PDB file of N, CA and C in Angstrom:
ATOM      1  N   MET A   1       4.113   0.353 -16.017  1.00  0.00           N
ATOM      2  CA  MET A   1       3.735  -0.624 -16.673  1.00  0.00           C
ATOM      3  C   MET A   1       2.824  -0.978 -15.985  1.00  0.00           C
ATOM      4  N   HIS A   2       1.731  -1.510 -16.649  1.00  0.00           N
ATOM      5  CA  HIS A   2      -0.091  -1.717 -16.631  1.00  0.00           C
ATOM      6  C   HIS A   2      -0.053  -3.410 -16.345  1.00  0.00           C
ATOM      7  N   ASP A   3      -1.409  -4.174 -16.039  1.00  0.00           N
ATOM      8  CA  ASP A   3      -1.581  -5.703 -16.402  1.00  0.00           C
ATOM      9  C   ASP A   3      -0.768  -6.331 -17.400  1.00  0.00           C
ATOM     10  N   GLU A   4      -0.725  -5.485 -18.408  1.00  0.00           N
ATOM     11  CA  GLU A   4      -0.278  -6.676 -19.458  1.00  0.00           C
ATOM     12  C   GLU A   4       1.147  -6.891 -19.588  1.00  0.00           C
ATOM     13  N   ASP A   5       1.905  -5.670 -19.123  1.00  0.00           N
ATOM     14  CA  ASP A   5       3.171  -5.967 -18.685  1.00  0.00           C
ATOM     15  C   ASP A   5       4.080  -6.590 -18.082  1.00  0.00           C
ATOM     16  N   ASN A   6       2.791  -7.434 -16.699  1.00  0.00           N
ATOM     17  CA  ASN A   6       3.456  -7.988 -15.543  1.00  0.00           C
ATOM     18  C   ASN A   6       3.573  -9.321 -15.885  1.00  0.00           C
ATOM     19  N   ASP A   7       4.994 -10.030 -15.337  1.00  0.00           N
ATOM     20  CA  ASP A   7       5.519 -10.844 -15.587  1.00  0.00           C
ATOM     21  C   ASP A   7       4.451 -11.828 -14.998  1.00  0.00           C
ATOM     22  N   GLY A   8       3.225 -11.773 -14.359  1.00  0.00           N
ATOM     23  CA  GLY A   8       2.721 -12.851 -13.484  1.00  0.00           C
ATOM     24  C   GLY A   8       3.581 -12.910 -12.231  1.00  0.00           C
ATOM     25  N   LYS A   9       4.477 -13.018 -11.929  1.00  0.00           N
ATOM     26  CA  LYS A   9       4.907 -13.446 -10.795  1.00  0.00           C
ATOM     27  C   LYS A   9       4.330 -13.197  -9.352  1.00  0.00           C
ATOM     28  N   PHE A  10       3.806 -11.584  -9.997  1.00  0.00           N
ATOM     29  CA  PHE A  10       2.735 -11.126  -8.686  1.00  0.00           C
ATOM     30  C   PHE A  10       1.812 -10.045  -9.409  1.00  0.00           C
ATOM     31  N   PRO A  11       0.953 -10.659  -9.639  1.00  0.00           N
ATOM     32  CA  PRO A  11       0.251  -9.787 -10.526  1.00  0.00           C
ATOM     33  C   PRO A  11      -0.214  -8.784 -10.211  1.00  0.00           C
ATOM     34  N   ASP A  12      -0.946  -7.252 -10.678  1.00  0.00           N
ATOM     35  CA  ASP A  12      -1.799  -5.960 -10.241  1.00  0.00           C
ATOM     36  C   ASP A  12      -2.488  -6.346  -9.133  1.00  0.00           C
ATOM     37  N   GLU A  13      -2.692  -5.774  -7.597  1.00  0.00           N
ATOM     38  CA  GLU A  13      -3.752  -5.518  -7.071  1.00  0.00           C
ATOM     39  C   GLU A  13      -3.566  -7.203  -6.450  1.00  0.00           C
ATOM     40  N   SER A  14      -2.752  -8.235  -6.535  1.00  0.00           N
ATOM     41  CA  SER A  14      -2.574  -9.187  -6.061  1.00  0.00           C
ATOM     42  C   SER A  14      -1.776  -9.062  -4.097  1.00  0.00           C
ATOM     43  N   GLN A  15      -2.668  -9.602  -3.551  1.00  0.00           N
ATOM     44  CA  GLN A  15      -2.201  -9.135  -2.163  1.00  0.00           C
ATOM     45  C   GLN A  15      -0.931 -10.366  -1.091  1.00  0.00           C
ATOM     46  N   VAL A  16      -0.261  -9.826  -1.303  1.00  0.00           N
ATOM     47  CA  VAL A  16       1.351 -10.369  -0.595  1.00  0.00           C
ATOM     48  C   VAL A  16       1.718  -9.587   0.733  1.00  0.00           C
ATOM     49  N   GLU A  17       2.742 -10.056   0.855  1.00  0.00           N
ATOM     50  CA  GLU A  17       3.589  -9.460   2.061  1.00  0.00           C
ATOM     51  C   GLU A  17       5.036  -9.010   1.543  1.00  0.00           C
ATOM     52  N   VAL A  18       5.017  -7.868   2.191  1.00  0.00           N
ATOM     53  CA  VAL A  18       6.423  -6.905   2.249  1.00  0.00           C
ATOM     54  C   VAL A  18       7.618  -6.925   3.123  1.00  0.00           C
ATOM     55  N   ARG A  19       8.490  -7.041   2.678  1.00  0.00           N
ATOM     56  CA  ARG A  19       9.507  -6.342   4.262  1.00  0.00           C
ATOM     57  C   ARG A  19       9.455  -4.850   4.147  1.00  0.00           C
ATOM     58  N   TYR A  20       9.266  -4.506   5.034  1.00  0.00           N
ATOM     59  CA  TYR A  20       8.847  -2.459   5.285  1.00  0.00           C
ATOM     60  C   TYR A  20       9.202  -2.602   6.793  1.00  0.00           C
ATOM     61  N   PRO A  21       9.994  -1.219   7.238  1.00  0.00           N
ATOM     62  CA  PRO A  21      10.518  -0.933   8.383  1.00  0.00           C
ATOM     63  C   PRO A  21       9.378  -0.305   9.318  1.00  0.00           C
ATOM     64  N   ARG A  22       8.636  -0.145  10.621  1.00  0.00           N
ATOM     65  CA  ARG A  22       7.068  -0.135  11.113  1.00  0.00           C
ATOM     66  C   ARG A  22       8.018   1.609  11.691  1.00  0.00           C
ATOM     67  N   SER A  23       9.429   1.457  12.371  1.00  0.00           N
ATOM     68  CA  SER A  23       9.644   2.783  12.167  1.00  0.00           C
ATOM     69  C   SER A  23      10.984   3.315  12.006  1.00  0.00           C
ATOM     70  N   LYS A  24      11.750   4.232  12.454  1.00  0.00           N
ATOM     71  CA  LYS A  24      13.054   5.171  12.023  1.00  0.00           C
ATOM     72  C   LYS A  24      13.759   4.240  12.485  1.00  0.00           C
ATOM     73  N   GLN A  25      13.995   3.285  13.455  1.00  0.00           N
ATOM     74  CA  GLN A  25      15.078   2.869  14.262  1.00  0.00           C
ATOM     75  C   GLN A  25      14.927   1.433  13.194  1.00  0.00           C
ATOM     76  N   GLU A  26      14.091   0.514  13.184  1.00  0.00           N
ATOM     77  CA  GLU A  26      13.942  -0.569  12.004  1.00  0.00           C
ATOM     78  C   GLU A  26      14.709  -0.067  10.702  1.00  0.00           C
ATOM     79  N   GLU A  27      13.964   0.741  10.363  1.00  0.00           N
ATOM     80  CA  GLU A  27      14.808   1.401   8.936  1.00  0.00           C
ATOM     81  C   GLU A  27      16.157   1.344   8.874  1.00  0.00           C
ATOM     82  N   GLN A  28      16.723   1.954   9.948  1.00  0.00           N
ATOM     83  CA  GLN A  28      18.452   2.072  10.261  1.00  0.00           C
ATOM     84  C   GLN A  28      19.052   0.751  10.645  1.00  0.00           C
ATOM     85  N   GLY A  29      18.082  -0.631  10.615  1.00  0.00           N
ATOM     86  CA  GLY A  29      18.553  -1.490  11.411  1.00  0.00           C
ATOM     87  C   GLY A  29      18.975  -2.497  10.053  1.00  0.00           C
ATOM     88  N   ASP A  30      18.998  -3.707  10.124  1.00  0.00           N
ATOM     89  CA  ASP A  30      19.409  -4.367   8.908  1.00  0.00           C
ATOM     90  C   ASP A  30      17.908  -4.745   8.386  1.00  0.00           C
ATOM     91  N   ARG A  31      18.487  -5.178   7.119  1.00  0.00           N
ATOM     92  CA  ARG A  31      16.996  -4.819   6.160  1.00  0.00           C
ATOM     93  C   ARG A  31      16.273  -6.154   6.290  1.00  0.00           C
ATOM     94  N   GLU A  32      16.996  -7.111   6.263  1.00  0.00           N
ATOM     95  CA  GLU A  32      16.882  -8.774   6.149  1.00  0.00           C
ATOM     96  C   GLU A  32      16.320  -8.723   7.827  1.00  0.00           C
ATOM     97  N   ARG A  33      16.122  -7.895   8.406  1.00  0.00           N
ATOM     98  CA  ARG A  33      15.376  -8.120   9.857  1.00  0.00           C
ATOM     99  C   ARG A  33      14.120  -7.671   9.668  1.00  0.00           C
ATOM    100  N   TRP A  34      13.768  -6.433   8.371  1.00  0.00           N
ATOM    101  CA  TRP A  34      12.347  -5.855   8.858  1.00  0.00           C
ATOM    102  C   TRP A  34      11.354  -7.197   8.929  1.00  0.00           C
ATOM    103  N   PRO A  35      10.176  -7.260   9.818  1.00  0.00           N
ATOM    104  CA  PRO A  35       9.532  -7.829   9.729  1.00  0.00           C
ATOM    105  C   PRO A  35       8.730  -7.851   7.749  1.00  0.00           C
ATOM    106  N   TRP A  36       7.620  -8.829   7.914  1.00  0.00           N
ATOM    107  CA  TRP A  36       6.984  -9.373   6.695  1.00  0.00           C
ATOM    108  C   TRP A  36       5.228  -8.883   6.703  1.00  0.00           C
ATOM    109  N   LEU A  37       5.001  -7.194   6.206  1.00  0.00           N
ATOM    110  CA  LEU A  37       3.725  -6.862   6.331  1.00  0.00           C
ATOM    111  C   LEU A  37       2.931  -6.776   5.490  1.00  0.00           C
ATOM    112  N   PRO A  38       1.571  -7.053   5.103  1.00  0.00           N
ATOM    113  CA  PRO A  38       0.310  -7.149   4.384  1.00  0.00           C
ATOM    114  C   PRO A  38       0.920  -6.184   3.644  1.00  0.00           C
ATOM    115  N   GLY A  39       0.728  -5.782   2.121  1.00  0.00           N
ATOM    116  CA  GLY A  39       0.424  -5.161   0.850  1.00  0.00           C
ATOM    117  C   GLY A  39      -0.061  -5.852  -0.486  1.00  0.00           C
ATOM    118  N   THR A  40      -0.556  -4.805  -1.313  1.00  0.00           N
ATOM    119  CA  THR A  40      -0.759  -4.607  -2.461  1.00  0.00           C
ATOM    120  C   THR A  40      -0.070  -4.535  -3.430  1.00  0.00           C
ATOM    121  N   ILE A  41      -0.260  -4.606  -4.446  1.00  0.00           N
ATOM    122  CA  ILE A  41       0.999  -4.733  -5.637  1.00  0.00           C
ATOM    123  C   ILE A  41       0.364  -3.860  -6.659  1.00  0.00           C
ATOM    124  N   VAL A  42       0.685  -2.651  -6.910  1.00  0.00           N
ATOM    125  CA  VAL A  42      -0.032  -1.494  -7.386  1.00  0.00           C
ATOM    126  C   VAL A  42       0.377  -2.121  -9.143  1.00  0.00           C
ATOM    127  N   GLU A  43       1.927  -2.398  -9.459  1.00  0.00           N
ATOM    128  CA  GLU A  43       2.190  -2.732 -10.785  1.00  0.00           C
ATOM    129  C   GLU A  43       3.484  -3.112 -10.281  1.00  0.00           C
ATOM    130  N   GLN A  44       4.254  -3.979 -11.747  1.00  0.00           N
ATOM    131  CA  GLN A  44       5.377  -4.571 -12.169  1.00  0.00           C
ATOM    132  C   GLN A  44       5.889  -2.933 -12.255  1.00  0.00           C
ATOM    133  N   CYS A  45       7.523  -2.341 -12.243  1.00  0.00           N
ATOM    134  CA  CYS A  45       7.976  -1.224 -12.847  1.00  0.00           C
ATOM    135  C   CYS A  45       8.625  -2.160 -13.436  1.00  0.00           C
ATOM    136  N   GLY A  46       9.438  -3.561 -13.418  1.00  0.00           N
ATOM    137  CA  GLY A  46      10.746  -4.003 -13.926  1.00  0.00           C
ATOM    138  C   GLY A  46      11.071  -5.315 -14.439  1.00  0.00           C
ATOM    139  N   PRO A  47      11.739  -5.591 -14.697  1.00  0.00           N
ATOM    140  CA  PRO A  47      12.112  -7.733 -14.284  1.00  0.00           C
ATOM    141  C   PRO A  47      11.693  -8.438 -13.581  1.00  0.00           C
ATOM    142  N   ASP A  48      12.312  -7.528 -12.250  1.00  0.00           N
ATOM    143  CA  ASP A  48      12.202  -8.014 -10.712  1.00  0.00           C
ATOM    144  C   ASP A  48      11.765  -6.966 -10.439  1.00  0.00           C
ATOM    145  N   GLU A  49      10.726  -5.885 -10.035  1.00  0.00           N
ATOM    146  CA  GLU A  49      10.269  -4.522  -9.641  1.00  0.00           C
ATOM    147  C   GLU A  49       9.030  -4.700  -9.291  1.00  0.00           C
ATOM    148  N   TRP A  50       8.836  -4.273  -8.140  1.00  0.00           N
ATOM    149  CA  TRP A  50       7.158  -3.938  -8.129  1.00  0.00           C
ATOM    150  C   TRP A  50       6.928  -2.855  -7.366  1.00  0.00           C
ATOM    151  N   TYR A  51       6.041  -2.227  -7.263  1.00  0.00           N
ATOM    152  CA  TYR A  51       5.711  -1.094  -6.815  1.00  0.00           C
ATOM    153  C   TYR A  51       4.358  -1.631  -5.270  1.00  0.00           C
ATOM    154  N   VAL A  52       4.300  -1.225  -4.626  1.00  0.00           N
ATOM    155  CA  VAL A  52       3.592  -1.906  -3.456  1.00  0.00           C
ATOM    156  C   VAL A  52       2.943  -0.756  -2.449  1.00  0.00           C
ATOM    157  N   CYS A  53       1.732  -1.691  -2.476  1.00  0.00           N
ATOM    158  CA  CYS A  53       1.136  -0.526  -1.126  1.00  0.00           C
ATOM    159  C   CYS A  53       1.438  -1.277   0.276  1.00  0.00           C
ATOM    160  N   ILE A  54       1.630  -0.402   1.125  1.00  0.00           N
ATOM    161  CA  ILE A  54       1.972  -1.490   2.743  1.00  0.00           C
ATOM    162  C   ILE A  54       0.528  -0.926   3.211  1.00  0.00           C
ATOM    163  N   GLU A  55      -0.350  -2.409   3.608  1.00  0.00           N
ATOM    164  CA  GLU A  55      -1.437  -2.046   4.355  1.00  0.00           C
ATOM    165  C   GLU A  55      -0.932  -2.013   5.525  1.00  0.00           C
ATOM    166  N   VAL A  56      -0.906  -1.402   6.028  1.00  0.00           N
ATOM    167  CA  VAL A  56      -0.909  -1.216   7.625  1.00  0.00           C
ATOM    168  C   VAL A  56      -1.163   0.027   8.160  1.00  0.00           C
ATOM    169  N   ARG A  57      -1.909  -0.136   9.080  1.00  0.00           N
ATOM    170  CA  ARG A  57      -2.683   1.574   9.357  1.00  0.00           C
ATOM    171  C   ARG A  57      -2.025   2.270  10.370  1.00  0.00           C
ATOM    172  N   GLU A  58      -1.123   1.552  11.222  1.00  0.00           N
ATOM    173  CA  GLU A  58      -0.386   2.399  11.989  1.00  0.00           C
ATOM    174  C   GLU A  58       0.767   3.269  10.989  1.00  0.00           C
ATOM    175  N   LEU A  59       0.798   2.484  10.041  1.00  0.00           N
ATOM    176  CA  LEU A  59       1.652   3.439   9.167  1.00  0.00           C
ATOM    177  C   LEU A  59       1.060   4.617   8.369  1.00  0.00           C
ATOM    178  N   ALA A  60      -0.559   4.772   8.138  1.00  0.00           N
ATOM    179  CA  ALA A  60      -1.478   5.586   7.392  1.00  0.00           C
ATOM    180  C   ALA A  60      -0.631   7.015   8.089  1.00  0.00           C
ATOM    181  N   VAL A  61      -0.743   7.538   6.915  1.00  0.00           N
ATOM    182  CA  VAL A  61      -1.026   9.220   7.252  1.00  0.00           C
ATOM    183  C   VAL A  61      -1.785  10.167   6.807  1.00  0.00           C
ATOM    184  N   LEU A  62      -2.248  11.276   6.861  1.00  0.00           N
ATOM    185  CA  LEU A  62      -3.081  12.543   6.111  1.00  0.00           C
ATOM    186  C   LEU A  62      -2.062  12.395   5.215  1.00  0.00           C
ATOM    187  N   ARG A  63      -3.301  13.659   4.415  1.00  0.00           N
ATOM    188  CA  ARG A  63      -3.217  14.183   3.287  1.00  0.00           C
ATOM    189  C   ARG A  63      -1.640  14.891   3.032  1.00  0.00           C
ATOM    190  N   ASP A  64      -1.465  15.566   3.993  1.00  0.00           N
ATOM    191  CA  ASP A  64       0.272  16.259   4.655  1.00  0.00           C
ATOM    192  C   ASP A  64       0.924  15.814   5.079  1.00  0.00           C
ATOM    193  N   GLY A  65       1.205  13.991   5.509  1.00  0.00           N
ATOM    194  CA  GLY A  65       1.807  13.147   6.091  1.00  0.00           C
ATOM    195  C   GLY A  65       2.209  13.264   7.206  1.00  0.00           C
ATOM    196  N   ARG A  66       1.249  14.271   7.780  1.00  0.00           N
ATOM    197  CA  ARG A  66       1.548  13.705   9.344  1.00  0.00           C
ATOM    198  C   ARG A  66       0.737  12.775   9.608  1.00  0.00           C
ATOM    199  N   ARG A  67       0.994  12.074  10.904  1.00  0.00           N
ATOM    200  CA  ARG A  67       0.547  10.755  11.240  1.00  0.00           C
ATOM    201  C   ARG A  67      -0.837  10.801  11.275  1.00  0.00           C
ATOM    202  N   ALA A  68      -1.667   9.444  10.736  1.00  0.00           N
ATOM    203  CA  ALA A  68      -3.024   9.826  10.905  1.00  0.00           C
ATOM    204  C   ALA A  68      -3.876   9.615  12.852  1.00  0.00           C
ATOM    205  N   PRO A  69      -4.336   9.940  12.889  1.00  0.00           N
ATOM    206  CA  PRO A  69      -5.112  10.362  14.645  1.00  0.00           C
ATOM    207  C   PRO A  69      -5.963   8.781  15.083  1.00  0.00           C
ATOM    208  N   ARG A  70      -6.251   8.255  15.934  1.00  0.00           N
ATOM    209  CA  ARG A  70      -6.801   6.729  15.998  1.00  0.00           C
ATOM    210  C   ARG A  70      -7.813   7.433  15.668  1.00  0.00           C
ATOM    211  N   GLY A  71      -8.677   6.201  14.802  1.00  0.00           N
ATOM    212  CA  GLY A  71     -10.484   6.711  14.309  1.00  0.00           C
ATOM    213  C   GLY A  71     -10.911   7.944  12.856  1.00  0.00           C
ATOM    214  N   THR A  72      -9.076   7.868  12.900  1.00  0.00           N
ATOM    215  CA  THR A  72      -9.571   8.544  11.581  1.00  0.00           C
ATOM    216  C   THR A  72      -9.904   7.643  10.474  1.00  0.00           C
ATOM    217  N   ALA A  73     -11.791   8.327   9.787  1.00  0.00           N
ATOM    218  CA  ALA A  73     -12.126   7.580   8.644  1.00  0.00           C
ATOM    219  C   ALA A  73     -11.157   6.984   7.571  1.00  0.00           C
ATOM    220  N   SER A  74     -11.161   5.921   7.014  1.00  0.00           N
ATOM    221  CA  SER A  74     -10.662   5.084   6.041  1.00  0.00           C
ATOM    222  C   SER A  74     -10.113   5.810   5.232  1.00  0.00           C
ATOM    223  N   ARG A  75     -11.523   6.460   4.433  1.00  0.00           N
ATOM    224  CA  ARG A  75     -11.317   7.560   3.345  1.00  0.00           C
ATOM    225  C   ARG A  75      -9.941   8.497   3.209  1.00  0.00           C
ATOM    226  N   ASN A  76      -9.478   9.017   4.373  1.00  0.00           N
ATOM    227  CA  ASN A  76      -9.223   9.727   5.057  1.00  0.00           C
ATOM    228  C   ASN A  76      -7.228   9.432   5.288  1.00  0.00           C
ATOM    229  N   LEU A  77      -7.422   7.935   5.247  1.00  0.00           N
ATOM    230  CA  LEU A  77      -5.950   7.662   5.029  1.00  0.00           C
ATOM    231  C   LEU A  77      -5.163   7.288   4.203  1.00  0.00           C
ATOM    232  N   TYR A  78      -3.334   7.842   3.730  1.00  0.00           N
ATOM    233  CA  TYR A  78      -3.105   7.652   2.936  1.00  0.00           C
ATOM    234  C   TYR A  78      -1.577   6.503   3.080  1.00  0.00           C
ATOM    235  N   TYR A  79      -2.043   5.293   2.065  1.00  0.00           N
ATOM    236  CA  TYR A  79      -0.815   4.192   2.923  1.00  0.00           C
ATOM    237  C   TYR A  79       0.745   4.817   2.549  1.00  0.00           C
ATOM    238  N   PRO A  80       1.945   3.622   2.862  1.00  0.00           N
ATOM    239  CA  PRO A  80       2.724   4.035   2.161  1.00  0.00           C
ATOM    240  C   PRO A  80       2.942   3.148   1.141  1.00  0.00           C
ATOM    241  N   CYS A  81       4.209   3.498   0.295  1.00  0.00           N
ATOM    242  CA  CYS A  81       4.263   2.263  -1.137  1.00  0.00           C
ATOM    243  C   CYS A  81       5.585   2.673  -0.864  1.00  0.00           C
ATOM    244  N   CYS A  82       6.465   0.705  -1.738  1.00  0.00           N
ATOM    245  CA  CYS A  82       7.849   1.667  -2.043  1.00  0.00           C
ATOM    246  C   CYS A  82       7.552   0.518  -2.973  1.00  0.00           C
ATOM    247  N   TYR A  83       8.954   0.795  -3.707  1.00  0.00           N
ATOM    248  CA  TYR A  83       9.227  -0.704  -4.867  1.00  0.00           C
ATOM    249  C   TYR A  83       9.988  -1.941  -3.768  1.00  0.00           C
ATOM    250  N   ARG A  84      10.001  -2.943  -4.801  1.00  0.00           N
ATOM    251  CA  ARG A  84      10.383  -3.948  -3.671  1.00  0.00           C
ATOM    252  C   ARG A  84      11.110  -5.038  -5.008  1.00  0.00           C
ATOM    253  N   GLY A  85      12.161  -5.885  -4.672  1.00  0.00           N
ATOM    254  CA  GLY A  85      12.533  -7.084  -5.459  1.00  0.00           C
ATOM    255  C   GLY A  85      11.410  -8.161  -5.647  1.00  0.00           C
ATOM    256  N   SER A  86      11.906  -9.765  -5.493  1.00  0.00           N
ATOM    257  CA  SER A  86      11.138 -10.355  -5.485  1.00  0.00           C
ATOM    258  C   SER A  86      11.325 -11.358  -4.466  1.00  0.00           C
ATOM    259  N   SER A  87      12.711 -10.844  -3.767  1.00  0.00           N
ATOM    260  CA  SER A  87      13.161 -11.678  -2.463  1.00  0.00           C
ATOM    261  C   SER A  87      12.831 -10.831  -1.531  1.00  0.00           C
ATOM    262  N   GLU A  88      12.009  -9.609  -1.280  1.00  0.00           N
ATOM    263  CA  GLU A  88      11.520  -8.737  -0.795  1.00  0.00           C
ATOM    264  C   GLU A  88      10.007  -9.283  -0.720  1.00  0.00           C
ATOM    265  N   ILE A  89       9.492 -10.177  -1.417  1.00  0.00           N
ATOM    266  CA  ILE A  89       7.629  -9.710  -1.718  1.00  0.00           C
ATOM    267  C   ILE A  89       7.558 -11.923  -1.667  1.00  0.00           C
ATOM    268  N   ARG A  90       6.458 -11.667  -1.161  1.00  0.00           N
ATOM    269  CA  ARG A  90       5.462 -12.913  -1.291  1.00  0.00           C
ATOM    270  C   ARG A  90       4.885 -13.299  -0.668  1.00  0.00           C
ATOM    271  N   PRO A  91       3.879 -13.874  -1.642  1.00  0.00           N
ATOM    272  CA  PRO A  91       2.370 -13.855  -1.206  1.00  0.00           C
ATOM    273  C   PRO A  91       1.818 -14.131  -0.254  1.00  0.00           C
ATOM    274  N   ARG A  92       0.499 -13.870   0.094  1.00  0.00           N
ATOM    275  CA  ARG A  92      -0.191 -13.836   1.362  1.00  0.00           C
ATOM    276  C   ARG A  92      -0.855 -14.858   1.756  1.00  0.00           C
ATOM    277  N   PRO A  93      -0.354 -15.236   3.388  1.00  0.00           N
ATOM    278  CA  PRO A  93      -1.748 -16.242   2.926  1.00  0.00           C
ATOM    279  C   PRO A  93      -2.816 -16.013   3.801  1.00  0.00           C
ATOM    280  N   ALA A  94      -3.542 -17.122   2.786  1.00  0.00           N
ATOM    281  CA  ALA A  94      -5.342 -15.864   2.655  1.00  0.00           C
ATOM    282  C   ALA A  94      -5.470 -15.438   3.717  1.00  0.00           C
ATOM    283  N   SER A  95      -5.909 -16.009   5.067  1.00  0.00           N
ATOM    284  CA  SER A  95      -6.483 -16.056   6.475  1.00  0.00           C
ATOM    285  C   SER A  95      -6.150 -14.647   6.956  1.00  0.00           C
ATOM    286  N   ASN A  96      -5.063 -13.707   6.424  1.00  0.00           N
ATOM    287  CA  ASN A  96      -4.418 -11.953   7.139  1.00  0.00           C
ATOM    288  C   ASN A  96      -5.281 -11.524   6.267  1.00  0.00           C
ATOM    289  N   GLY A  97      -5.502 -10.585   7.653  1.00  0.00           N
ATOM    290  CA  GLY A  97      -6.368  -9.450   6.475  1.00  0.00           C
ATOM    291  C   GLY A  97      -6.200  -8.318   6.187  1.00  0.00           C
ATOM    292  N   SER A  98      -6.522  -7.269   6.009  1.00  0.00           N
ATOM    293  CA  SER A  98      -6.182  -5.933   5.110  1.00  0.00           C
ATOM    294  C   SER A  98      -6.812  -5.027   5.387  1.00  0.00           C
ATOM    295  N   ALA A  99      -5.943  -3.649   4.688  1.00  0.00           N
ATOM    296  CA  ALA A  99      -6.611  -2.385   5.258  1.00  0.00           C
ATOM    297  C   ALA A  99      -8.024  -2.452   3.694  1.00  0.00           C
ATOM    298  N   SER A 100      -8.923  -1.887   4.258  1.00  0.00           N
ATOM    299  CA  SER A 100      -9.908  -2.258   3.026  1.00  0.00           C
ATOM    300  C   SER A 100      -9.943  -1.105   2.115  1.00  0.00           C
ATOM    301  N   GLY A 101      -9.028  -2.017   0.989  1.00  0.00           N
ATOM    302  CA  GLY A 101      -9.058  -1.221   0.032  1.00  0.00           C
ATOM    303  C   GLY A 101      -8.834   0.550  -0.198  1.00  0.00           C
ATOM    304  N   THR A 102      -8.465   1.053   0.184  1.00  0.00           N
ATOM    305  CA  THR A 102      -7.665   2.103   0.171  1.00  0.00           C
ATOM    306  C   THR A 102      -6.390   2.381   0.133  1.00  0.00           C
ATOM    307  N   ARG A 103      -6.114   2.505  -1.140  1.00  0.00           N
ATOM    308  CA  ARG A 103      -4.790   2.290  -1.486  1.00  0.00           C
ATOM    309  C   ARG A 103      -4.481   3.684  -2.145  1.00  0.00           C
ATOM    310  N   ARG A 104      -3.671   4.460  -1.418  1.00  0.00           N
ATOM    311  CA  ARG A 104      -4.227   6.663  -2.321  1.00  0.00           C
ATOM    312  C   ARG A 104      -2.374   6.222  -2.082  1.00  0.00           C
ATOM    313  N   GLY A 105      -1.287   5.783  -1.017  1.00  0.00           N
ATOM    314  CA  GLY A 105      -0.217   5.493  -1.677  1.00  0.00           C
ATOM    315  C   GLY A 105      -0.017   7.364  -1.440  1.00  0.00           C
ATOM    316  N   ALA A 106       1.056   7.030  -0.185  1.00  0.00           N
ATOM    317  CA  ALA A 106       2.434   8.446   0.120  1.00  0.00           C
ATOM    318  C   ALA A 106       3.914   7.683   0.227  1.00  0.00           C
ATOM    319  N   SER A 107       4.089   7.927  -1.108  1.00  0.00           N
ATOM    320  CA  SER A 107       5.399   7.621  -1.280  1.00  0.00           C
ATOM    321  C   SER A 107       6.601   7.448  -0.059  1.00  0.00           C
ATOM    322  N   ARG A 108       7.075   6.529   0.006  1.00  0.00           N
ATOM    323  CA  ARG A 108       8.340   6.375   1.225  1.00  0.00           C
ATOM    324  C   ARG A 108       9.407   6.145   0.295  1.00  0.00           C
TER     325      ARG A 108
END
């Protein structure tokens, strides 16, 4: 889907918060307890499903999937992406910062 196919609830490129695990331990825990992390809507994929890029530098990886060492240039980082329904997405408060526009997405 592209922007013209988006129903407008979470427009493409909009800044949101999304439930996403920061670790394998969190991933295996209760999904309702996952933290709300900053992200950007890439596109709407269905009636209640969006593809979201998680913009947390600590979760970014290198092209080959390895963890990015501290100090890696932003242009070399790949952020995780995920599919989420509306119950796991909410608008991001305006005061919250984000990773600077590099959304290359290493899928999760």
